[in-house]
Amino acid sequence: MGRSEQLINIEDVRRLARRRLPRAVYEFVSGGAEDEVTLGANRTGFAGIAFRPRALVGVETRDTSVELFGDRIAMPLLLDPAGLARIVRREGELAVARAAHAANVIYTLSIGSSYSIEEVAKASAGPLWAQIYMWRDRDLIASIIERARLAGYRALCVTIDVPVHGNRERDRRNGMTIPPRITARNFWDAAWRLRWLRDQLIGERFTFANLTGVAPGGSAVDIGTYQERELYKPGSDWSDIAWLREIWNGPLLIKGIMSADDARRALDHGVDGLIISNHGGRQLDGLPGTIDVLPRISAAVRGQLAILLDGGIRRGSDVVKAIALGAAACMIGRPYLWGLAADGEAGVTRVLEIFRQEIDRTMALMGCPRVSDLDPSVLERFPA
């Protein structure tokens, strides 16, 4: 049995990733903002939901696949955009894209990736989506969107909940930098992680590959500083979404919706999908868990656009609960980064296989052989 096959669930993957990453890098991936109330709420929201299974339903044949914007994928699970994946493993986004393609699920590439739009598209036949932020420089955004279109990315996802960076106190305490620096303070912590250390020291230093040439200098530090000072746009509004709708004729999704009112506004602006997300608890602390707001957002849009749910997904049973409450699919971020840290591409593959097995098993035990059988009638609340 290989190393990845010994990982039974996502918690096993997380623990192995924690052993293989320096503390600052692990907490950069796994931590949240301020008191991490929202980080915890994403998990406790799922814990309060119970199943109401259907008895004596034939489940010998089961189908976990769903269709999203013309692509049929193996299960209702997508991979979130997560910048600079190379920070946990040298293969970074290339390994993630290959694993996603092999599992027949969608990978959404972050604009802040450590490999370029074109490199990732070359490494994987997809399906791929591209993520952007609403920056001040519309010409830069338009050029990136055109690159994504030419490279074959099928949908565009705009993240709207980063007008400024959240207050991630773990990173401040750990002295976390991009890229990570080896200092007297963290030397021994990094030195014990030989594979990680080798990845960081061999070859070219990584940077934000899609933004080389944008900022003076071109290093990750230069580009990161330029983004924060020159590109982030606290004044973004719904006119920016209207503009994106004009220049992108494929599926357009907004990531960062947390209220029914904003969901209705998105619908009025012609978007094709919403991603209910609190940025994994990394931005505004004190938000509710995403599963807690899903029912009212689903009711607000009445099936007129696709709803995806992001945040706190750690089990296939979490995915099943979200689908039953109105989501078309779920997205994961930390679990696949933990898989990448644990065992590279094989680790990401194992994460996706764990989710596929758990979704399939949960559906069978619930008497729901198809994803379309999942609706609120198969759920109830645990007694208070």
Protein backbone atom coordinates (compact mmCIF):
# COMPACT_ATOMS: atom_id res chain seq x y z
CA MET A 1 0.00 0.00 0.00
CA GLY A 2 1.43 3.38 -1.02
CA ARG A 3 1.78 6.35 1.30
CA SER A 4 -1.29 8.16 -0.04
CA GLU A 5 -3.46 5.03 0.20
CA GLN A 6 -2.78 4.96 3.95
CA LEU A 7 -4.58 8.30 4.30
CA ILE A 8 -8.09 7.28 5.32
CA ASN A 9 -9.77 10.68 5.61
CA ILE A 10 -9.04 14.38 5.18
CA GLU A 11 -7.98 14.73 8.81
CA ASP A 12 -5.22 12.19 8.13
CA VAL A 13 -4.13 14.31 5.17
CA ARG A 14 -4.14 17.46 7.27
CA ARG A 15 -2.01 15.87 9.99
CA LEU A 16 0.57 14.65 7.48
CA ALA A 17 0.69 18.08 5.83
CA ARG A 18 1.28 19.65 9.24
CA ARG A 19 4.28 17.38 9.80
CA ARG A 20 5.74 18.16 6.39
CA LEU A 21 5.39 21.95 6.39
CA PRO A 22 7.12 24.54 8.54
CA ARG A 23 4.76 26.02 11.09
CA ALA A 24 4.51 29.40 9.36
CA VAL A 25 3.57 27.82 6.01
CA TYR A 26 1.13 25.34 7.54
CA GLU A 27 -0.64 28.11 9.46
CA PHE A 28 -0.66 30.35 6.39
CA VAL A 29 -2.65 27.65 4.59
CA SER A 30 -4.79 26.51 7.51
CA GLY A 31 -5.36 29.60 9.64
CA GLY A 32 -8.01 32.30 9.53
CA ALA A 33 -8.48 35.94 10.44
CA GLU A 34 -8.38 37.36 13.98
CA ASP A 35 -10.14 35.05 16.49
CA GLU A 36 -10.99 32.51 13.75
CA VAL A 37 -14.67 32.52 14.69
CA THR A 38 -15.72 32.23 11.06
CA LEU A 39 -13.14 29.51 10.43
CA GLY A 40 -14.82 27.45 13.14
CA ALA A 41 -18.36 28.37 12.08
CA ASN A 42 -17.78 26.80 8.67
CA ARG A 43 -17.38 23.44 10.40
CA THR A 44 -19.94 23.71 13.21
CA GLY A 45 -22.64 24.62 10.70
CA PHE A 46 -22.36 21.17 9.13
CA ALA A 47 -22.24 19.46 12.52
CA GLY A 48 -25.74 20.71 13.37
CA ILE A 49 -27.36 19.03 10.35
CA ALA A 50 -28.60 15.45 10.55
CA PHE A 51 -29.67 13.02 7.83
CA ARG A 52 -33.15 11.55 7.39
CA PRO A 53 -32.46 8.46 5.24
CA ARG A 54 -34.97 6.78 2.96
CA ALA A 55 -35.41 3.08 3.73
CA LEU A 56 -35.50 0.19 1.26
CA VAL A 57 -34.53 2.21 -1.78
CA GLY A 58 -32.53 0.30 -4.37
CA VAL A 59 -29.03 1.77 -4.44
CA GLU A 60 -27.13 -0.95 -6.28
CA THR A 61 -26.49 1.51 -9.10
CA ARG A 62 -25.42 5.01 -8.05
CA ASP A 63 -24.37 8.12 -9.97
CA THR A 64 -22.46 10.93 -8.24
CA SER A 65 -21.90 12.96 -11.42
CA VAL A 66 -23.35 16.42 -12.10
CA GLU A 67 -23.34 18.82 -15.02
CA LEU A 68 -22.07 22.38 -14.66
CA PHE A 69 -22.24 24.77 -17.59
CA GLY A 70 -22.08 21.96 -20.13
CA ASP A 71 -19.35 19.89 -18.46
CA ARG A 72 -20.28 16.63 -16.76
CA ILE A 73 -17.96 16.04 -13.83
CA ALA A 74 -17.53 12.93 -11.70
CA MET A 75 -18.94 14.42 -8.50
CA PRO A 76 -20.33 17.74 -7.24
CA LEU A 77 -16.93 18.94 -6.05
CA LEU A 78 -14.58 21.56 -7.53
CA LEU A 79 -11.16 22.85 -6.53
CA ASP A 80 -11.02 26.42 -5.27
CA PRO A 81 -8.61 29.07 -6.51
CA ALA A 82 -5.67 29.19 -4.09
CA GLY A 83 -2.70 31.42 -4.89
CA LEU A 84 0.94 30.35 -4.84
CA ALA A 85 0.36 26.62 -4.39
CA ARG A 86 4.07 26.16 -4.95
CA ILE A 87 4.56 27.40 -1.40
CA VAL A 88 3.66 23.90 -0.15
CA ARG A 89 5.13 21.78 -2.99
CA ARG A 90 7.29 22.65 -5.97
CA GLU A 91 4.89 21.20 -8.57
CA GLY A 92 2.18 23.51 -7.23
CA GLU A 93 -0.74 24.22 -9.54
CA LEU A 94 0.59 21.89 -12.23
CA ALA A 95 0.17 18.87 -9.97
CA VAL A 96 -3.26 20.08 -8.81
CA ALA A 97 -4.48 20.55 -12.38
CA ARG A 98 -3.28 17.09 -13.43
CA ALA A 99 -4.95 15.43 -10.44
CA ALA A 100 -8.21 17.30 -11.06
CA HIS A 101 -8.24 16.24 -14.72
CA ALA A 102 -7.57 12.61 -13.82
CA ALA A 103 -10.48 12.69 -11.35
CA ASN A 104 -12.73 14.50 -13.86
CA VAL A 105 -13.42 17.51 -11.66
CA ILE A 106 -12.99 21.22 -12.30
CA TYR A 107 -9.95 23.17 -11.10
CA THR A 108 -10.22 26.94 -10.73
CA LEU A 109 -6.84 28.59 -11.18
CA SER A 110 -6.05 31.63 -9.05
CA ILE A 111 -4.77 34.75 -10.75
CA GLY A 112 -2.14 34.66 -7.98
CA SER A 113 -0.83 31.25 -9.09
CA SER A 114 2.85 30.35 -9.11
CA TYR A 115 2.53 28.87 -12.61
CA SER A 116 0.95 30.82 -15.44
CA ILE A 117 -2.47 30.46 -17.04
CA GLU A 118 -0.78 28.99 -20.10
CA GLU A 119 1.51 26.59 -18.21
CA VAL A 120 -1.39 25.12 -16.25
CA ALA A 121 -3.54 24.75 -19.36
CA LYS A 122 -0.68 22.93 -21.08
CA ALA A 123 -0.29 20.58 -18.11
CA SER A 124 -3.96 19.56 -18.07
CA ALA A 125 -6.75 19.13 -20.59
CA GLY A 126 -9.14 20.56 -18.03
CA PRO A 127 -11.86 21.44 -17.50
CA LEU A 128 -10.38 24.63 -16.05
CA TRP A 129 -11.87 27.84 -14.72
CA ALA A 130 -9.98 31.09 -14.16
CA GLN A 131 -10.23 33.39 -11.13
CA ILE A 132 -9.62 37.14 -11.01
CA TYR A 133 -9.99 40.06 -8.61
CA MET A 134 -11.63 43.38 -9.40
CA TRP A 135 -8.47 45.48 -9.62
CA ARG A 136 -8.16 49.15 -10.49
CA ASP A 137 -6.46 48.43 -13.82
CA ARG A 138 -9.18 47.27 -16.19
CA ASP A 139 -6.72 46.91 -19.06
CA LEU A 140 -4.75 44.40 -16.99
CA ILE A 141 -7.91 42.49 -16.11
CA ALA A 142 -9.03 42.43 -19.74
CA SER A 143 -5.64 41.11 -20.87
CA ILE A 144 -5.71 38.31 -18.30
CA ILE A 145 -9.25 37.37 -19.29
CA GLU A 146 -8.21 37.22 -22.94
CA ARG A 147 -5.26 34.99 -22.04
CA ALA A 148 -7.63 32.68 -20.18
CA ARG A 149 -10.02 32.60 -23.12
CA LEU A 150 -7.25 31.74 -25.59
CA ALA A 151 -5.92 29.02 -23.26
CA GLY A 152 -9.33 27.34 -23.13
CA TYR A 153 -10.56 28.23 -19.64
CA ARG A 154 -14.30 27.67 -19.63
CA ALA A 155 -15.62 29.92 -16.87
CA LEU A 156 -14.57 33.09 -15.10
CA CYS A 157 -14.79 33.47 -11.33
CA VAL A 158 -14.44 36.95 -9.78
CA THR A 159 -13.58 37.11 -6.07
CA ILE A 160 -15.26 40.13 -4.48
CA ASP A 161 -14.47 39.86 -0.76
CA VAL A 162 -10.91 41.23 -0.75
CA PRO A 163 -11.21 45.04 -0.91
CA VAL A 164 -8.35 44.94 1.63
CA HIS A 165 -6.48 42.05 3.23
CA GLY A 166 -7.96 40.39 6.29
CA ASN A 167 -6.13 40.51 9.62
CA ARG A 168 -4.40 37.13 9.75
CA GLU A 169 -2.70 37.32 13.10
CA ARG A 170 -1.09 33.89 12.90
CA ASP A 171 0.88 35.05 9.85
CA ARG A 172 1.97 38.22 11.62
CA ARG A 173 3.14 36.32 14.69
CA ASN A 174 5.00 33.77 12.55
CA GLY A 175 6.70 36.44 10.45
CA MET A 176 5.22 34.80 7.33
CA THR A 177 6.43 36.26 4.05
CA ILE A 178 5.88 35.48 0.37
CA PRO A 179 8.08 33.71 -0.52
CA PRO A 180 8.97 32.30 2.93
CA ARG A 181 12.34 33.42 4.28
CA ILE A 182 14.67 31.13 6.22
CA THR A 183 15.85 33.10 9.26
CA ALA A 184 17.59 32.34 12.54
CA ARG A 185 14.14 32.30 14.13
CA ASN A 186 12.68 29.58 11.92
CA PHE A 187 15.80 27.74 10.70
CA TRP A 188 15.40 24.56 12.74
CA ASP A 189 11.67 24.34 12.04
CA ALA A 190 12.37 24.52 8.30
CA ALA A 191 15.47 22.31 8.43
CA TRP A 192 13.44 19.32 9.70
CA ARG A 193 11.22 19.56 6.60
CA LEU A 194 13.87 18.42 4.12
CA ARG A 195 11.57 17.86 1.15
CA TRP A 196 9.94 21.26 1.59
CA LEU A 197 13.30 22.96 2.10
CA ARG A 198 14.75 21.37 -1.03
CA ASP A 199 11.73 22.55 -3.04
CA GLN A 200 12.30 26.10 -1.87
CA LEU A 201 16.05 26.18 -2.47
CA ILE A 202 16.40 24.42 -5.82
CA GLY A 203 15.76 26.25 -9.08
CA GLU A 204 14.29 29.68 -9.66
CA ARG A 205 12.52 31.49 -6.85
CA PHE A 206 8.80 31.41 -7.46
CA THR A 207 6.62 34.44 -8.02
CA PHE A 208 3.14 35.42 -9.19
CA ALA A 209 3.57 33.95 -12.66
CA ASN A 210 0.59 35.69 -14.28
CA LEU A 211 1.81 39.11 -13.18
CA THR A 212 5.47 39.11 -14.16
CA GLY A 213 6.26 42.35 -15.92
CA VAL A 214 3.43 44.19 -14.17
CA ALA A 215 5.37 45.47 -11.17
CA PRO A 216 8.88 46.90 -11.06
CA GLY A 217 11.32 44.18 -10.03
CA GLY A 218 9.17 41.16 -10.75
CA SER A 219 9.83 39.21 -7.54
CA ALA A 220 6.99 37.82 -5.43
CA VAL A 221 7.64 40.58 -2.89
CA ASP A 222 7.60 43.28 -5.58
CA ILE A 223 4.39 41.99 -7.15
CA GLY A 224 2.67 41.40 -3.82
CA THR A 225 3.46 44.94 -2.71
CA TYR A 226 2.31 46.35 -6.04
CA GLN A 227 -1.00 44.45 -5.81
CA GLU A 228 -1.74 45.77 -2.35
CA ARG A 229 -0.76 49.38 -3.06
CA GLU A 230 -1.78 49.83 -6.69
CA LEU A 231 -4.21 47.13 -7.80
CA TYR A 232 -6.63 46.36 -4.99
CA LYS A 233 -9.75 48.44 -5.41
CA PRO A 234 -11.73 49.16 -2.22
CA GLY A 235 -14.14 51.16 -4.38
CA SER A 236 -15.38 48.22 -6.46
CA ASP A 237 -19.14 48.16 -7.04
CA TRP A 238 -21.75 46.42 -9.17
CA SER A 239 -20.74 48.42 -12.26
CA ASP A 240 -17.55 46.34 -12.30
CA ILE A 241 -19.63 43.18 -12.56
CA ALA A 242 -21.63 44.74 -15.41
CA TRP A 243 -18.35 45.50 -17.20
CA LEU A 244 -17.10 41.93 -16.75
CA ARG A 245 -20.38 40.64 -18.15
CA GLU A 246 -19.77 42.74 -21.29
CA ILE A 247 -16.24 41.47 -21.98
CA TRP A 248 -16.64 37.79 -21.01
CA ASN A 249 -19.25 35.78 -22.90
CA GLY A 250 -18.74 32.51 -21.04
CA PRO A 251 -20.10 31.45 -17.64
CA LEU A 252 -19.45 34.18 -15.06
CA LEU A 253 -19.49 33.44 -11.33
CA ILE A 254 -19.14 35.72 -8.30
CA LYS A 255 -17.21 34.32 -5.32
CA GLY A 256 -17.84 35.89 -1.92
CA ILE A 257 -21.64 36.19 -1.75
CA MET A 258 -22.99 35.77 1.80
CA SER A 259 -26.47 37.36 1.73
CA ALA A 260 -29.76 36.89 -0.10
CA ASP A 261 -29.83 40.57 -1.08
CA ASP A 262 -26.46 40.35 -2.81
CA ALA A 263 -27.52 37.10 -4.47
CA ARG A 264 -30.54 38.90 -6.00
CA ARG A 265 -28.29 41.76 -7.17
CA ALA A 266 -25.99 39.27 -8.84
CA LEU A 267 -28.95 37.72 -10.60
CA ASP A 268 -29.99 41.15 -11.87
CA HIS A 269 -26.49 41.66 -13.31
CA GLY A 270 -26.64 38.57 -15.49
CA VAL A 271 -24.13 36.34 -13.76
CA ASP A 272 -24.44 32.60 -14.22
CA GLY A 273 -23.39 31.39 -10.79
CA LEU A 274 -22.74 32.34 -7.19
CA ILE A 275 -20.10 30.93 -4.89
CA ILE A 276 -21.24 31.30 -1.31
CA SER A 277 -17.96 31.98 0.44
CA ASN A 278 -16.47 33.78 3.43
CA HIS A 279 -12.97 33.22 2.04
CA GLY A 280 -12.48 30.25 4.34
CA GLY A 281 -12.58 32.56 7.35
CA ARG A 282 -9.47 34.40 6.13
CA GLN A 283 -11.04 37.83 5.57
CA LEU A 284 -13.84 39.22 7.78
CA ASP A 285 -14.06 37.36 11.07
CA GLY A 286 -17.52 37.08 12.63
CA LEU A 287 -19.37 35.93 9.52
CA PRO A 288 -21.68 32.91 9.76
CA GLY A 289 -20.74 29.57 8.31
CA THR A 290 -21.49 29.25 4.61
CA ILE A 291 -23.83 26.27 5.07
CA ASP A 292 -25.92 28.41 7.45
CA VAL A 293 -26.69 31.05 4.79
CA LEU A 294 -27.15 28.59 1.91
CA PRO A 295 -30.92 27.93 2.39
CA ARG A 296 -31.94 31.60 2.26
CA ILE A 297 -29.68 32.37 -0.68
CA SER A 298 -31.06 29.36 -2.53
CA ALA A 299 -34.60 30.57 -1.82
CA ALA A 300 -33.71 34.07 -3.05
CA VAL A 301 -32.52 32.99 -6.51
CA ARG A 302 -35.13 30.23 -6.98
CA GLY A 303 -32.99 28.05 -9.21
CA GLN A 304 -32.28 30.81 -11.73
CA LEU A 305 -28.51 30.41 -11.43
CA ALA A 306 -26.04 27.84 -10.14
CA ILE A 307 -25.06 28.03 -6.48
CA LEU A 308 -21.73 26.63 -5.32
CA LEU A 309 -20.73 26.43 -1.66
CA ASP A 310 -17.20 27.01 -0.39
CA GLY A 311 -15.98 26.77 3.19
CA GLY A 312 -15.49 24.02 5.75
CA ILE A 313 -15.94 21.03 3.44
CA ARG A 314 -14.03 18.15 5.03
CA ARG A 315 -16.25 15.12 4.35
CA GLY A 316 -18.24 13.78 1.45
CA SER A 317 -21.22 13.95 3.80
CA ASP A 318 -20.72 17.74 3.96
CA VAL A 319 -21.05 17.87 0.19
CA VAL A 320 -24.25 15.81 0.33
CA LYS A 321 -25.75 18.15 2.95
CA ALA A 322 -24.96 21.21 0.85
CA ILE A 323 -26.49 19.69 -2.28
CA ALA A 324 -29.65 18.81 -0.37
CA LEU A 325 -29.94 22.44 0.78
CA GLY A 326 -29.71 23.89 -2.72
CA ALA A 327 -26.09 23.92 -3.87
CA ALA A 328 -25.20 22.59 -7.31
CA ALA A 329 -21.71 21.66 -6.08
CA CYS A 330 -19.13 22.46 -3.42
CA MET A 331 -15.57 23.78 -3.57
CA ILE A 332 -12.54 22.83 -1.50
CA GLY A 333 -9.28 24.70 -0.92
CA ARG A 334 -7.35 23.65 2.17
CA PRO A 335 -7.94 19.88 1.70
CA TYR A 336 -6.23 19.74 -1.68
CA LEU A 337 -3.38 21.98 -0.49
CA TRP A 338 -2.89 19.60 2.43
CA GLY A 339 -2.85 16.74 -0.07
CA LEU A 340 -0.28 18.56 -2.19
CA ALA A 341 1.91 19.14 0.88
CA ALA A 342 1.50 15.53 2.03
CA ASP A 343 2.37 13.71 -1.18
CA GLY A 344 2.39 15.98 -4.22
CA GLU A 345 0.09 15.06 -7.08
CA ALA A 346 -0.60 11.65 -5.52
CA GLY A 347 -1.76 13.43 -2.37
CA VAL A 348 -4.23 15.60 -4.29
CA THR A 349 -5.46 12.50 -6.12
CA ARG A 350 -6.00 10.77 -2.78
CA VAL A 351 -7.98 13.73 -1.42
CA LEU A 352 -10.30 13.62 -4.41
CA GLU A 353 -10.70 9.84 -4.13
CA ILE A 354 -11.59 10.16 -0.42
CA PHE A 355 -14.30 12.68 -1.26
CA ARG A 356 -15.63 10.57 -4.13
CA GLN A 357 -15.87 7.47 -1.95
CA GLU A 358 -17.51 9.36 0.92
CA ILE A 359 -20.07 11.07 -1.33
CA ASP A 360 -20.97 7.75 -2.94
CA ARG A 361 -21.20 5.92 0.39
CA THR A 362 -23.30 8.63 2.02
CA MET A 363 -25.75 8.67 -0.88
CA ALA A 364 -26.08 4.88 -0.70
CA LEU A 365 -26.72 4.88 3.05
CA MET A 366 -29.30 7.64 2.64
CA GLY A 367 -31.25 5.81 -0.06
CA CYS A 368 -30.40 8.46 -2.67
CA PRO A 369 -28.80 6.78 -5.70
CA ARG A 370 -28.60 10.02 -7.75
CA VAL A 371 -27.52 13.55 -6.88
CA SER A 372 -30.93 14.74 -8.10
CA ASP A 373 -32.53 12.74 -5.24
CA LEU A 374 -31.00 15.11 -2.68
CA ASP A 375 -33.34 17.80 -1.36
CA PRO A 376 -34.25 19.29 2.06
CA SER A 377 -36.55 16.36 2.86
CA VAL A 378 -33.51 14.13 3.51
CA LEU A 379 -32.19 16.43 6.26
CA GLU A 380 -33.22 17.56 9.71
CA ARG A 381 -31.66 19.46 12.60
CA PHE A 382 -30.09 17.79 15.58
CA PRO A 383 -32.01 18.62 18.76
CA ALA A 384 -30.64 21.70 20.49
